[in-house]
Amino acid sequence: ETAPPHVPSKEFGAFMKGFEGAWKCDTQFAVGALWPGSQPLSSKTDVTIRREFDGFMWHGEFKMAKTATTPATIGTFQVGYASPSRQVTYLSYDSIGSSMMGVGTISGAQIAFLEEGFVKGAKVKVRETLAKQGPRRMLHKVELDQGKGLQLMAEDTCVK
């Protein structure tokens, strides 16, 4: 006797379809987000998200442009779904040594992930939010907790 086939969640697939595609983002870093006393900073980021592994995962890549005070940064992320627990899984890493892993839940048109990992070598807790704001708009927000509670690090406002 064989186990029943494991199939991807149709509901999760329909939800993630709104995030697929190529996005142009305005990235805003908060005061003190990059180092103590750093000033607010803006950058441009390109993001692509595509369905992968027959709908079990969504693969994302980002490229943030170099600024006067920061290097260009590239990164990769994977979003999946654990159907029995109804949790969204998240894994990411980038070219400045950051890596994160966590889980989240879908609420309306957004997912809020609670993650643990490293940013510039420091262990951190993170809340990362992906939100659809219409058919051609997406918001991505990163909040870090380095021992003082969650504080805004960066926000991306993206359009297709």
N, C-alpha and C. Protein backbone atom coordinates (compact mmCIF):
# COMPACT_ATOMS: atom_id res chain seq x y z
N GLU A 1 0.84 -1.18 0.00
CA GLU A 1 0.00 0.00 0.00
C GLU A 1 0.89 1.25 0.00
N THR A 2 0.53 2.26 -0.78
CA THR A 2 1.33 3.48 -0.86
C THR A 2 0.60 4.63 -0.18
N ALA A 3 1.38 5.58 0.25
CA ALA A 3 0.83 6.77 0.90
C ALA A 3 0.07 7.61 -0.13
N PRO A 4 -0.95 8.32 0.32
CA PRO A 4 -1.64 9.21 -0.63
C PRO A 4 -0.68 10.29 -1.12
N PRO A 5 -0.88 10.78 -2.34
CA PRO A 5 0.04 11.79 -2.87
C PRO A 5 -0.04 13.09 -2.07
N HIS A 6 1.11 13.70 -1.89
CA HIS A 6 1.19 15.00 -1.22
C HIS A 6 1.04 16.07 -2.31
N VAL A 7 0.07 16.93 -2.16
CA VAL A 7 -0.20 17.94 -3.19
C VAL A 7 -0.11 19.33 -2.57
N PRO A 8 0.29 20.33 -3.37
CA PRO A 8 0.38 21.70 -2.84
C PRO A 8 -1.01 22.26 -2.53
N SER A 9 -1.06 23.19 -1.61
CA SER A 9 -2.31 23.84 -1.22
C SER A 9 -2.82 24.75 -2.33
N LYS A 10 -4.04 24.49 -2.81
CA LYS A 10 -4.64 25.35 -3.85
C LYS A 10 -4.89 26.75 -3.31
N GLU A 11 -5.32 26.84 -2.05
CA GLU A 11 -5.60 28.15 -1.44
C GLU A 11 -4.31 28.98 -1.33
N PHE A 12 -3.23 28.34 -0.90
CA PHE A 12 -1.97 29.06 -0.79
C PHE A 12 -1.46 29.47 -2.17
N GLY A 13 -1.61 28.59 -3.15
CA GLY A 13 -1.21 28.92 -4.51
C GLY A 13 -1.96 30.13 -5.04
N ALA A 14 -3.27 30.18 -4.79
CA ALA A 14 -4.06 31.33 -5.24
C ALA A 14 -3.61 32.60 -4.53
N PHE A 15 -3.28 32.50 -3.25
CA PHE A 15 -2.80 33.66 -2.50
C PHE A 15 -1.46 34.15 -3.06
N MET A 16 -0.52 33.26 -3.29
CA MET A 16 0.82 33.64 -3.74
C MET A 16 0.84 34.14 -5.18
N LYS A 17 -0.14 33.76 -5.99
CA LYS A 17 -0.18 34.20 -7.38
C LYS A 17 -0.09 35.73 -7.47
N GLY A 18 -0.70 36.44 -6.52
CA GLY A 18 -0.66 37.90 -6.51
C GLY A 18 0.73 38.49 -6.27
N PHE A 19 1.66 37.68 -5.77
CA PHE A 19 3.03 38.16 -5.53
C PHE A 19 3.97 37.83 -6.68
N GLU A 20 3.53 36.98 -7.61
CA GLU A 20 4.40 36.56 -8.71
C GLU A 20 4.70 37.72 -9.65
N GLY A 21 5.90 37.69 -10.23
CA GLY A 21 6.24 38.66 -11.25
C GLY A 21 7.47 39.48 -10.89
N ALA A 22 7.70 40.50 -11.71
CA ALA A 22 8.85 41.41 -11.54
C ALA A 22 8.35 42.71 -10.92
N TRP A 23 9.02 43.13 -9.86
CA TRP A 23 8.62 44.31 -9.09
C TRP A 23 9.74 45.34 -9.06
N LYS A 24 9.38 46.62 -9.12
CA LYS A 24 10.31 47.74 -8.93
C LYS A 24 9.94 48.37 -7.60
N CYS A 25 10.90 48.45 -6.69
CA CYS A 25 10.61 48.89 -5.33
C CYS A 25 11.42 50.12 -4.94
N ASP A 26 10.77 50.98 -4.18
CA ASP A 26 11.46 52.07 -3.48
C ASP A 26 11.70 51.59 -2.07
N THR A 27 12.97 51.51 -1.68
CA THR A 27 13.35 51.01 -0.37
C THR A 27 13.71 52.19 0.52
N GLN A 28 13.11 52.24 1.70
CA GLN A 28 13.38 53.30 2.68
C GLN A 28 13.91 52.65 3.96
N PHE A 29 15.11 53.04 4.37
CA PHE A 29 15.67 52.58 5.64
C PHE A 29 15.39 53.62 6.71
N ALA A 30 15.04 53.16 7.91
CA ALA A 30 14.71 54.05 9.03
C ALA A 30 15.98 54.63 9.65
N VAL A 31 15.81 55.69 10.41
CA VAL A 31 16.90 56.30 11.19
C VAL A 31 17.53 55.22 12.07
N GLY A 32 18.86 55.11 12.03
CA GLY A 32 19.58 54.16 12.86
C GLY A 32 19.48 52.71 12.42
N ALA A 33 18.84 52.44 11.30
CA ALA A 33 18.62 51.06 10.86
C ALA A 33 19.89 50.37 10.39
N LEU A 34 20.81 51.12 9.79
CA LEU A 34 22.00 50.51 9.21
C LEU A 34 23.18 50.47 10.16
N TRP A 35 23.28 51.44 11.05
CA TRP A 35 24.28 51.49 12.11
C TRP A 35 23.80 52.56 13.08
N PRO A 36 24.30 52.55 14.32
CA PRO A 36 23.83 53.55 15.29
C PRO A 36 24.01 54.97 14.75
N GLY A 37 22.93 55.72 14.75
CA GLY A 37 22.97 57.10 14.29
C GLY A 37 22.87 57.29 12.79
N SER A 38 22.72 56.19 12.02
CA SER A 38 22.63 56.36 10.56
C SER A 38 21.37 57.13 10.20
N GLN A 39 21.48 57.91 9.16
CA GLN A 39 20.35 58.73 8.71
C GLN A 39 19.43 57.91 7.82
N PRO A 40 18.19 58.36 7.63
CA PRO A 40 17.30 57.65 6.71
C PRO A 40 17.96 57.55 5.34
N LEU A 41 17.70 56.47 4.65
CA LEU A 41 18.35 56.22 3.38
C LEU A 41 17.34 55.62 2.41
N SER A 42 17.44 56.03 1.15
CA SER A 42 16.58 55.48 0.11
C SER A 42 17.42 54.72 -0.90
N SER A 43 16.82 53.69 -1.48
CA SER A 43 17.48 52.93 -2.54
C SER A 43 16.40 52.37 -3.46
N LYS A 44 16.82 51.81 -4.57
CA LYS A 44 15.94 51.14 -5.52
C LYS A 44 16.24 49.64 -5.46
N THR A 45 15.18 48.84 -5.44
CA THR A 45 15.34 47.39 -5.37
C THR A 45 14.46 46.73 -6.43
N ASP A 46 15.03 45.77 -7.15
CA ASP A 46 14.27 44.94 -8.09
C ASP A 46 14.01 43.60 -7.41
N VAL A 47 12.76 43.12 -7.49
CA VAL A 47 12.38 41.85 -6.88
C VAL A 47 11.66 41.01 -7.93
N THR A 48 11.99 39.72 -8.00
CA THR A 48 11.23 38.79 -8.83
C THR A 48 10.78 37.64 -7.95
N ILE A 49 9.54 37.19 -8.17
CA ILE A 49 8.98 36.07 -7.42
C ILE A 49 8.31 35.15 -8.43
N ARG A 50 8.65 33.83 -8.33
CA ARG A 50 8.05 32.87 -9.26
C ARG A 50 7.68 31.58 -8.52
N ARG A 51 6.68 30.92 -9.06
CA ARG A 51 6.23 29.61 -8.56
C ARG A 51 7.32 28.59 -8.87
N GLU A 52 7.52 27.67 -7.94
CA GLU A 52 8.58 26.68 -8.12
C GLU A 52 8.15 25.34 -7.52
N PHE A 53 8.78 24.27 -7.93
CA PHE A 53 8.55 22.93 -7.40
C PHE A 53 7.07 22.56 -7.43
N ASP A 54 6.44 22.72 -8.59
CA ASP A 54 5.04 22.33 -8.80
C ASP A 54 4.07 23.00 -7.84
N GLY A 55 4.43 24.19 -7.35
CA GLY A 55 3.52 24.94 -6.47
C GLY A 55 3.72 24.68 -4.99
N PHE A 56 4.77 23.95 -4.63
CA PHE A 56 5.07 23.77 -3.21
C PHE A 56 5.84 24.97 -2.66
N MET A 57 6.54 25.70 -3.53
CA MET A 57 7.37 26.84 -3.10
C MET A 57 7.24 28.00 -4.07
N TRP A 58 7.58 29.18 -3.57
CA TRP A 58 7.76 30.36 -4.41
C TRP A 58 9.17 30.85 -4.15
N HIS A 59 9.90 31.06 -5.24
CA HIS A 59 11.30 31.47 -5.19
C HIS A 59 11.37 32.97 -5.48
N GLY A 60 12.08 33.70 -4.64
CA GLY A 60 12.24 35.13 -4.85
C GLY A 60 13.70 35.53 -4.87
N GLU A 61 13.99 36.57 -5.63
CA GLU A 61 15.34 37.15 -5.67
C GLU A 61 15.20 38.66 -5.63
N PHE A 62 16.15 39.31 -4.95
CA PHE A 62 16.14 40.77 -4.93
C PHE A 62 17.53 41.30 -5.22
N LYS A 63 17.56 42.51 -5.80
CA LYS A 63 18.81 43.22 -6.08
C LYS A 63 18.60 44.67 -5.67
N MET A 64 19.29 45.08 -4.60
CA MET A 64 19.20 46.45 -4.14
C MET A 64 20.41 47.22 -4.66
N ALA A 65 20.15 48.39 -5.24
CA ALA A 65 21.22 49.19 -5.83
C ALA A 65 22.17 49.73 -4.76
N LYS A 66 23.40 49.94 -5.15
CA LYS A 66 24.41 50.58 -4.30
C LYS A 66 23.96 52.01 -4.00
N THR A 67 24.26 52.47 -2.79
CA THR A 67 24.01 53.87 -2.43
C THR A 67 25.35 54.50 -2.05
N ALA A 68 25.33 55.76 -1.65
CA ALA A 68 26.56 56.43 -1.24
C ALA A 68 27.19 55.78 -0.01
N THR A 69 26.38 55.11 0.81
CA THR A 69 26.91 54.55 2.06
C THR A 69 26.72 53.04 2.20
N THR A 70 26.08 52.38 1.23
CA THR A 70 25.86 50.93 1.33
C THR A 70 26.23 50.25 0.01
N PRO A 71 26.72 49.01 0.11
CA PRO A 71 27.04 48.26 -1.11
C PRO A 71 25.76 47.75 -1.78
N ALA A 72 25.86 47.43 -3.05
CA ALA A 72 24.76 46.73 -3.72
C ALA A 72 24.55 45.41 -2.97
N THR A 73 23.31 44.99 -2.84
CA THR A 73 23.01 43.76 -2.11
C THR A 73 22.07 42.90 -2.95
N ILE A 74 22.39 41.61 -3.03
CA ILE A 74 21.51 40.67 -3.70
C ILE A 74 21.13 39.58 -2.70
N GLY A 75 19.96 38.99 -2.90
CA GLY A 75 19.52 37.95 -1.98
C GLY A 75 18.50 37.04 -2.60
N THR A 76 18.23 35.94 -1.90
CA THR A 76 17.31 34.92 -2.34
C THR A 76 16.39 34.56 -1.18
N PHE A 77 15.13 34.24 -1.50
CA PHE A 77 14.21 33.77 -0.46
C PHE A 77 13.28 32.71 -1.03
N GLN A 78 12.79 31.85 -0.15
CA GLN A 78 11.84 30.79 -0.50
C GLN A 78 10.65 30.91 0.44
N VAL A 79 9.45 30.82 -0.11
CA VAL A 79 8.22 30.84 0.67
C VAL A 79 7.46 29.55 0.37
N GLY A 80 7.09 28.83 1.40
CA GLY A 80 6.36 27.58 1.24
C GLY A 80 5.18 27.53 2.19
N TYR A 81 4.51 26.38 2.23
CA TYR A 81 3.30 26.26 3.05
C TYR A 81 3.25 24.88 3.67
N ALA A 82 3.08 24.84 4.99
CA ALA A 82 2.91 23.59 5.72
C ALA A 82 1.41 23.40 5.95
N SER A 83 0.75 22.69 5.04
CA SER A 83 -0.72 22.58 5.05
C SER A 83 -1.32 22.12 6.38
N PRO A 84 -0.80 21.05 7.00
CA PRO A 84 -1.47 20.59 8.23
C PRO A 84 -1.53 21.66 9.33
N SER A 85 -0.48 22.47 9.46
CA SER A 85 -0.45 23.50 10.51
C SER A 85 -0.89 24.87 10.00
N ARG A 86 -1.14 24.97 8.69
CA ARG A 86 -1.54 26.22 8.04
C ARG A 86 -0.51 27.35 8.30
N GLN A 87 0.77 26.98 8.30
CA GLN A 87 1.83 27.96 8.49
C GLN A 87 2.58 28.17 7.18
N VAL A 88 2.96 29.41 6.94
CA VAL A 88 3.76 29.76 5.79
C VAL A 88 5.22 29.73 6.23
N THR A 89 6.08 29.05 5.46
CA THR A 89 7.49 28.94 5.83
C THR A 89 8.32 29.94 5.04
N TYR A 90 9.44 30.38 5.63
CA TYR A 90 10.27 31.40 5.01
C TYR A 90 11.74 31.10 5.28
N LEU A 91 12.55 31.25 4.25
CA LEU A 91 13.99 31.05 4.34
C LEU A 91 14.64 32.08 3.43
N SER A 92 15.68 32.79 3.93
CA SER A 92 16.35 33.79 3.08
C SER A 92 17.83 33.89 3.42
N TYR A 93 18.59 34.40 2.44
CA TYR A 93 20.00 34.71 2.64
C TYR A 93 20.41 35.76 1.62
N ASP A 94 21.49 36.51 1.94
CA ASP A 94 21.89 37.59 1.03
C ASP A 94 23.41 37.76 0.97
N SER A 95 23.84 38.70 0.14
CA SER A 95 25.26 38.90 -0.15
C SER A 95 26.00 39.67 0.93
N ILE A 96 25.33 40.10 2.01
CA ILE A 96 26.04 40.77 3.11
C ILE A 96 26.06 39.89 4.37
N GLY A 97 25.77 38.59 4.19
CA GLY A 97 25.89 37.64 5.28
C GLY A 97 24.65 37.46 6.13
N SER A 98 23.53 38.02 5.73
CA SER A 98 22.30 37.82 6.49
C SER A 98 21.65 36.50 6.11
N SER A 99 21.03 35.85 7.09
CA SER A 99 20.26 34.64 6.83
C SER A 99 19.13 34.56 7.86
N MET A 100 17.96 34.14 7.40
CA MET A 100 16.76 34.10 8.24
C MET A 100 15.99 32.83 7.97
N MET A 101 15.27 32.37 9.00
CA MET A 101 14.34 31.28 8.84
C MET A 101 13.19 31.51 9.80
N GLY A 102 11.96 31.28 9.33
CA GLY A 102 10.82 31.46 10.21
C GLY A 102 9.53 30.96 9.61
N VAL A 103 8.45 31.25 10.33
CA VAL A 103 7.11 30.86 9.89
C VAL A 103 6.17 32.04 10.09
N GLY A 104 5.06 31.98 9.36
CA GLY A 104 4.07 33.04 9.49
C GLY A 104 2.69 32.52 9.19
N THR A 105 1.74 33.42 9.26
CA THR A 105 0.36 33.08 8.96
C THR A 105 -0.20 34.11 8.00
N ILE A 106 -1.17 33.68 7.22
CA ILE A 106 -1.86 34.58 6.30
C ILE A 106 -2.99 35.25 7.05
N SER A 107 -3.09 36.55 6.90
CA SER A 107 -4.18 37.31 7.48
C SER A 107 -4.65 38.30 6.42
N GLY A 108 -5.81 38.03 5.84
CA GLY A 108 -6.30 38.89 4.76
C GLY A 108 -5.38 38.84 3.57
N ALA A 109 -4.82 40.00 3.18
CA ALA A 109 -3.96 40.09 2.01
C ALA A 109 -2.48 40.13 2.38
N GLN A 110 -2.14 39.68 3.60
CA GLN A 110 -0.73 39.75 3.99
C GLN A 110 -0.28 38.51 4.77
N ILE A 111 1.04 38.36 4.82
CA ILE A 111 1.70 37.34 5.62
C ILE A 111 2.67 38.06 6.54
N ALA A 112 2.63 37.74 7.83
CA ALA A 112 3.63 38.26 8.77
C ALA A 112 4.45 37.08 9.26
N PHE A 113 5.76 37.09 8.95
CA PHE A 113 6.67 36.03 9.35
C PHE A 113 7.40 36.42 10.62
N LEU A 114 7.51 35.50 11.56
CA LEU A 114 8.38 35.68 12.72
C LEU A 114 9.61 34.81 12.47
N GLU A 115 10.78 35.46 12.44
CA GLU A 115 12.00 34.78 12.01
C GLU A 115 13.10 34.95 13.05
N GLU A 116 14.07 34.06 12.96
CA GLU A 116 15.32 34.21 13.68
C GLU A 116 16.44 34.03 12.69
N GLY A 117 17.54 34.73 12.94
CA GLY A 117 18.67 34.60 12.03
C GLY A 117 19.77 35.58 12.37
N PHE A 118 20.50 35.98 11.34
CA PHE A 118 21.66 36.84 11.51
C PHE A 118 21.64 37.97 10.50
N VAL A 119 21.97 39.17 10.95
CA VAL A 119 22.15 40.33 10.09
C VAL A 119 23.52 40.91 10.42
N LYS A 120 24.39 40.98 9.42
CA LYS A 120 25.75 41.48 9.60
C LYS A 120 26.45 40.78 10.77
N GLY A 121 26.19 39.48 10.92
CA GLY A 121 26.84 38.68 11.95
C GLY A 121 26.16 38.71 13.31
N ALA A 122 25.20 39.59 13.52
CA ALA A 122 24.51 39.69 14.81
C ALA A 122 23.25 38.85 14.79
N LYS A 123 23.03 38.06 15.86
CA LYS A 123 21.81 37.26 15.96
C LYS A 123 20.64 38.20 16.23
N VAL A 124 19.56 38.01 15.47
CA VAL A 124 18.40 38.89 15.58
C VAL A 124 17.11 38.08 15.49
N LYS A 125 16.04 38.71 15.98
CA LYS A 125 14.68 38.25 15.73
C LYS A 125 14.07 39.27 14.79
N VAL A 126 13.24 38.80 13.88
CA VAL A 126 12.71 39.66 12.83
C VAL A 126 11.22 39.38 12.65
N ARG A 127 10.48 40.44 12.37
CA ARG A 127 9.13 40.29 11.83
C ARG A 127 9.18 40.88 10.43
N GLU A 128 8.84 40.05 9.45
CA GLU A 128 8.89 40.47 8.05
C GLU A 128 7.48 40.32 7.49
N THR A 129 6.97 41.37 6.86
CA THR A 129 5.60 41.37 6.38
C THR A 129 5.59 41.56 4.87
N LEU A 130 4.82 40.72 4.18
CA LEU A 130 4.53 40.86 2.74
C LEU A 130 3.04 41.14 2.62
N ALA A 131 2.68 42.23 1.96
CA ALA A 131 1.27 42.60 1.84
C ALA A 131 0.93 43.01 0.42
N LYS A 132 -0.14 42.43 -0.11
CA LYS A 132 -0.67 42.85 -1.41
C LYS A 132 -1.49 44.11 -1.17
N GLN A 133 -1.28 45.11 -2.00
CA GLN A 133 -2.03 46.36 -1.89
C GLN A 133 -2.75 46.66 -3.20
N GLY A 134 -3.22 45.62 -3.84
CA GLY A 134 -3.87 45.76 -5.14
C GLY A 134 -3.17 44.86 -6.14
N PRO A 135 -3.65 44.81 -7.37
CA PRO A 135 -3.09 43.88 -8.36
C PRO A 135 -1.66 44.20 -8.78
N ARG A 136 -1.22 45.44 -8.61
CA ARG A 136 0.12 45.81 -9.08
C ARG A 136 0.94 46.53 -8.00
N ARG A 137 0.55 46.35 -6.74
CA ARG A 137 1.28 46.99 -5.63
C ARG A 137 1.52 45.98 -4.50
N MET A 138 2.72 46.09 -3.90
CA MET A 138 3.10 45.21 -2.80
C MET A 138 3.89 46.03 -1.79
N LEU A 139 3.71 45.73 -0.53
CA LEU A 139 4.49 46.34 0.54
C LEU A 139 5.28 45.23 1.23
N HIS A 140 6.55 45.52 1.52
CA HIS A 140 7.42 44.59 2.25
C HIS A 140 8.04 45.39 3.39
N LYS A 141 7.89 44.90 4.62
CA LYS A 141 8.41 45.63 5.78
C LYS A 141 9.26 44.68 6.62
N VAL A 142 10.41 45.19 7.12
CA VAL A 142 11.31 44.41 7.96
C VAL A 142 11.48 45.15 9.29
N GLU A 143 11.17 44.44 10.38
CA GLU A 143 11.36 44.98 11.72
C GLU A 143 12.32 44.06 12.46
N LEU A 144 13.35 44.62 13.10
CA LEU A 144 14.37 43.85 13.82
C LEU A 144 14.22 44.02 15.32
N ASP A 145 14.54 42.95 16.05
CA ASP A 145 14.63 43.02 17.50
C ASP A 145 16.04 42.60 17.88
N GLN A 146 16.83 43.58 18.30
CA GLN A 146 18.20 43.30 18.74
C GLN A 146 18.29 43.52 20.25
N GLY A 147 17.20 43.15 20.96
CA GLY A 147 17.18 43.28 22.41
C GLY A 147 16.36 44.45 22.93
N LYS A 148 15.82 45.26 22.04
CA LYS A 148 15.04 46.44 22.45
C LYS A 148 13.62 46.40 21.88
N GLY A 149 13.14 45.21 21.53
CA GLY A 149 11.83 45.10 20.90
C GLY A 149 11.93 45.34 19.41
N LEU A 150 10.85 45.06 18.71
CA LEU A 150 10.84 45.23 17.25
C LEU A 150 10.91 46.71 16.88
N GLN A 151 11.85 47.02 15.98
CA GLN A 151 12.02 48.39 15.49
C GLN A 151 12.12 48.33 13.96
N LEU A 152 11.47 49.29 13.30
CA LEU A 152 11.48 49.33 11.84
C LEU A 152 12.91 49.45 11.32
N MET A 153 13.26 48.58 10.39
CA MET A 153 14.55 48.67 9.71
C MET A 153 14.36 49.25 8.32
N ALA A 154 13.44 48.63 7.56
CA ALA A 154 13.26 49.05 6.16
C ALA A 154 11.85 48.74 5.69
N GLU A 155 11.44 49.49 4.68
CA GLU A 155 10.15 49.28 4.05
C GLU A 155 10.30 49.44 2.55
N ASP A 156 9.76 48.48 1.80
CA ASP A 156 9.77 48.53 0.33
C ASP A 156 8.34 48.75 -0.15
N THR A 157 8.17 49.75 -0.99
CA THR A 157 6.91 49.98 -1.68
C THR A 157 7.15 49.58 -3.13
N CYS A 158 6.43 48.57 -3.62
CA CYS A 158 6.75 47.97 -4.91
C CYS A 158 5.56 48.03 -5.88
N VAL A 159 5.89 48.17 -7.17
CA VAL A 159 4.89 48.16 -8.22
C VAL A 159 5.36 47.25 -9.35
N LYS A 160 4.38 46.67 -10.07
CA LYS A 160 4.70 45.84 -11.25
C LYS A 160 4.68 46.73 -12.46
